[in-house]
Protein backbone atom coordinates (compact mmCIF):
# COMPACT_ATOMS: atom_id res chain seq x y z
CA MET A 1 2.36 5.18 -38.81
CA VAL A 2 1.13 8.41 -37.20
CA ARG A 3 -1.90 6.70 -35.69
CA TYR A 4 0.41 4.26 -33.84
CA ALA A 5 2.61 7.03 -32.41
CA PRO A 6 0.76 7.22 -29.04
CA LEU A 7 1.09 3.46 -28.64
CA LEU A 8 4.81 3.58 -29.41
CA VAL A 9 5.34 6.42 -26.93
CA ALA A 10 3.41 4.50 -24.24
CA CYS A 11 5.52 1.38 -24.83
CA MET A 12 8.74 3.38 -24.62
CA LEU A 13 7.66 5.03 -21.36
CA ALA A 14 6.65 1.66 -19.90
CA GLY A 15 10.08 0.31 -20.79
CA LEU A 16 11.80 3.21 -19.07
CA VAL A 17 9.76 2.71 -15.91
CA ALA A 18 10.34 -1.05 -15.91
CA PHE A 19 14.08 -0.90 -16.64
CA PRO A 20 15.30 -0.53 -13.00
CA PHE A 21 13.16 -3.49 -11.97
CA ILE A 22 14.28 -5.71 -14.85
CA ARG A 23 17.92 -4.78 -14.36
CA GLY A 24 17.69 -5.66 -10.66
CA LEU A 25 16.04 -8.99 -11.41
CA THR A 26 18.43 -10.09 -14.16
CA SER A 27 21.82 -8.88 -12.96
CA ASP A 28 24.01 -11.32 -11.05
CA ASP A 29 25.85 -8.35 -9.56
CA ALA A 30 22.68 -6.80 -8.11
CA PRO A 31 20.37 -9.53 -6.79
CA SER A 32 18.22 -6.98 -4.99
CA MET A 33 16.00 -4.20 -6.27
CA THR A 34 17.47 -1.50 -4.02
CA GLY A 35 17.45 1.82 -5.79
CA ALA A 36 14.04 1.20 -7.36
CA GLN A 37 11.69 4.10 -6.71
CA VAL A 38 9.29 2.02 -4.65
CA GLY A 39 9.08 1.97 -0.89
CA GLY A 40 10.26 4.13 1.94
CA HIS A 41 9.40 4.45 5.61
CA PHE A 42 5.89 5.36 6.65
CA SER A 43 3.69 5.97 9.67
CA LEU A 44 0.19 4.48 10.10
CA GLN A 45 -2.11 3.30 12.89
CA SER A 46 -1.76 -0.12 14.54
CA ALA A 47 -3.45 -1.77 17.50
CA ASP A 48 -0.56 -0.52 19.65
CA GLY A 49 -0.89 3.10 18.49
CA VAL A 50 1.18 4.92 15.89
CA PHE A 51 3.27 2.48 13.88
CA GLU A 52 6.59 3.72 12.46
CA SER A 53 8.19 1.36 9.95
CA SER A 54 11.56 2.91 10.79
CA GLY A 55 11.24 1.61 14.36
CA LEU A 56 11.06 -2.11 13.53
CA ASP A 57 13.67 -4.39 15.07
CA GLN A 58 13.49 -6.98 12.28
CA ASP A 59 15.94 -7.08 9.34
CA LEU A 60 13.22 -7.44 6.70
CA MET A 61 9.57 -6.58 6.09
CA LEU A 62 7.01 -8.40 3.96
CA ILE A 63 4.23 -5.96 3.10
CA TYR A 64 0.87 -6.64 1.48
CA PHE A 65 -1.73 -4.00 0.58
CA GLY A 66 -5.32 -5.23 0.56
CA TYR A 67 -8.59 -5.09 2.46
CA THR A 68 -10.47 -7.27 4.92
CA TYR A 69 -13.65 -7.55 2.85
CA CYS A 70 -11.72 -9.02 -0.09
CA PRO A 71 -13.40 -12.31 -1.05
CA ASP A 72 -10.43 -14.23 -2.44
CA ILE A 73 -7.12 -12.63 -3.43
CA CYS A 74 -6.20 -10.92 -0.14
CA PRO A 75 -6.74 -13.99 2.06
CA THR A 76 -4.82 -16.11 -0.43
CA GLU A 77 -1.88 -13.70 -0.52
CA LEU A 78 -1.76 -13.27 3.26
CA ALA A 79 -1.79 -17.05 3.63
CA ARG A 80 1.14 -17.22 1.20
CA MET A 81 2.96 -14.50 3.14
CA ALA A 82 2.43 -16.48 6.34
CA ALA A 83 3.73 -19.62 4.60
CA VAL A 84 6.89 -17.71 3.63
CA VAL A 85 7.49 -16.60 7.22
CA ASN A 86 6.82 -20.12 8.50
CA GLY A 87 9.20 -21.49 5.86
CA LEU A 88 12.02 -19.43 7.35
CA GLU A 89 11.81 -21.57 10.50
CA ALA A 90 14.44 -20.30 13.01
CA ASP A 91 14.89 -17.07 11.03
CA ALA A 92 11.17 -16.19 11.04
CA ASP A 93 11.63 -13.64 13.82
CA GLN A 94 13.89 -11.57 11.53
CA VAL A 95 10.99 -10.80 9.16
CA GLN A 96 7.96 -8.67 10.05
CA GLY A 97 4.73 -9.19 8.11
CA LEU A 98 2.63 -6.06 7.53
CA PHE A 99 -0.90 -5.82 6.15
CA VAL A 100 -1.85 -2.31 4.99
CA THR A 101 -5.48 -1.61 4.13
CA VAL A 102 -6.47 0.10 0.89
CA ASP A 103 -10.02 0.50 2.25
CA PRO A 104 -9.70 2.66 5.39
CA GLU A 105 -13.37 3.67 5.25
CA ARG A 106 -14.37 0.15 6.37
CA ASP A 107 -11.11 -1.29 7.71
CA THR A 108 -10.66 -0.01 11.24
CA VAL A 109 -7.42 -0.63 13.13
CA ASP A 110 -9.11 -3.36 15.18
CA LEU A 111 -10.46 -5.08 12.07
CA VAL A 112 -7.13 -5.10 10.17
CA THR A 113 -5.32 -6.26 13.30
CA GLU A 114 -7.67 -9.20 13.82
CA TYR A 115 -7.53 -10.05 10.11
CA ALA A 116 -3.73 -9.96 9.87
CA ARG A 117 -3.26 -11.98 13.07
CA ALA A 118 -5.60 -14.69 11.76
CA PHE A 119 -2.84 -15.56 9.29
CA ASN A 120 0.10 -15.12 11.66
CA PRO A 121 -0.13 -13.85 15.26
CA GLU A 122 2.98 -11.69 14.69
CA PHE A 123 1.60 -9.89 11.62
CA ILE A 124 0.74 -6.22 12.11
CA GLY A 125 -2.44 -4.77 10.61
CA LEU A 126 -2.27 -1.10 9.63
CA SER A 127 -4.97 1.45 8.89
CA GLY A 128 -5.57 5.16 9.22
CA SER A 129 -7.47 7.89 7.47
CA ARG A 130 -7.65 8.08 3.69
CA ALA A 131 -5.24 11.05 3.93
CA GLN A 132 -2.73 8.85 5.79
CA ILE A 133 -3.11 5.77 3.59
CA GLU A 134 -2.87 7.40 0.15
CA PRO A 135 0.70 8.72 0.49
CA VAL A 136 1.87 5.24 1.52
CA MET A 137 0.07 3.74 -1.47
CA ARG A 138 1.83 6.24 -3.74
CA GLN A 139 5.21 5.39 -2.18
CA TYR A 140 4.62 1.72 -2.97
CA GLN A 141 2.93 2.34 -6.32
CA VAL A 142 -0.26 0.65 -5.20
CA TYR A 143 -3.40 1.10 -7.29
CA ALA A 144 -6.82 0.79 -5.63
CA ALA A 145 -10.29 1.76 -6.84
CA LYS A 146 -13.73 1.14 -5.39
CA VAL A 147 -15.99 -1.02 -7.60
CA GLY A 148 -19.72 -0.48 -7.20
CA ASP A 149 -22.04 2.28 -6.07
CA GLU A 150 -23.13 0.89 -2.71
CA PRO A 151 -21.76 2.95 0.20
CA THR A 152 -20.79 -0.07 2.35
CA ASP A 153 -21.14 -3.16 0.13
CA TYR A 154 -18.48 -2.88 -2.56
CA LEU A 155 -15.28 -4.47 -3.81
CA VAL A 156 -11.93 -2.77 -4.25
CA ASP A 157 -9.87 -3.45 -7.36
CA HIS A 158 -6.23 -3.21 -6.25
CA THR A 159 -2.62 -4.10 -6.91
CA SER A 160 -1.74 -7.53 -5.56
CA ARG A 161 1.91 -8.16 -4.80
CA ILE A 162 4.02 -8.86 -1.76
CA TYR A 163 6.90 -6.46 -1.15
CA LEU A 164 10.15 -7.58 0.44
CA MET A 165 11.80 -4.57 2.05
CA ASN A 166 15.01 -4.17 4.04
CA ARG A 167 15.42 -2.32 7.35
CA ASP A 168 15.78 0.97 5.43
CA ALA A 169 12.45 0.29 3.64
CA GLU A 170 14.27 -0.23 0.34
CA LEU A 171 12.73 -2.64 -2.14
CA LEU A 172 14.55 -5.99 -2.37
CA ALA A 173 11.96 -8.04 -4.30
CA LEU A 174 8.38 -8.03 -5.53
CA PHE A 175 6.41 -11.26 -5.44
CA SER A 176 3.45 -11.68 -7.77
CA MET A 177 0.55 -14.03 -7.22
CA ASP A 178 2.18 -16.74 -9.33
CA THR A 179 5.52 -16.75 -7.47
CA GLU A 180 5.92 -20.11 -5.73
CA VAL A 181 6.16 -19.96 -1.93
CA GLY A 182 9.38 -22.01 -1.99
CA ASP A 183 10.97 -19.51 -4.36
CA MET A 184 9.87 -16.66 -2.13
CA VAL A 185 11.39 -18.34 0.93
CA GLU A 186 14.71 -18.82 -0.89
CA GLN A 187 14.80 -15.18 -1.99
CA VAL A 188 14.04 -13.94 1.52
CA LYS A 189 16.78 -16.17 2.96
CA ARG A 190 19.32 -14.55 0.63
CA PHE A 191 18.81 -11.23 2.38
CA LEU A 192 18.98 -12.49 5.97
C-alpha cells in the first residue's frame, strides 16, 4: 500500500484541481465556468500596437494558443474557431477571435496576424517577447515545450483547447479538440 501512496496523493490533488471545472460543467444552476482560476485580462502585441484584452468592445472572446509553424493541430483548431464564429451568423460581431503564439521566438506580430486572418479576417494575432507571453500562458494554464534541438526547425508540444471568455476575461467554457462545432456554437449563443 505504501508504494501506491504517491499515486493516491496525485489522484486526490488532480481531483481537487478539476473540481471547479466539473462542478461548472455539470450544474444546471451554473452553466458557466466563471470562478475557475483560468483566464484574466492581458496585454500583448498586435499588428495595431499594444493589445489590451480589457479594451475589447465584444461581449465574448474565443482564444486559442498555438504557433504558426504547427503542421496540423493549430490550423485545424483555428478553422474550427472560425466555423464557430461563422455559425453565430448575425451575432458573430459580438465575439472576438484571438490567436496567441506559444512560440514568440519565430512568430512575429506580422506572422501571427497574417496567420490568424487567414482563418477569419477579424481574428487578432498576438505575440510579444517570451517574458510577455509566459505570464499569459500561466494565467490560462497553457503548457508548451519545444521538441527538437534545431534552433529554427522544431515543433512545439502544447495545450490545445479553445477558451470562451466573457468581457471580464472570466472563463465560461473550454472546448477540446473533440467538441463538435455545432455544440460549441450553441454554448457560445447561451452567453450572448
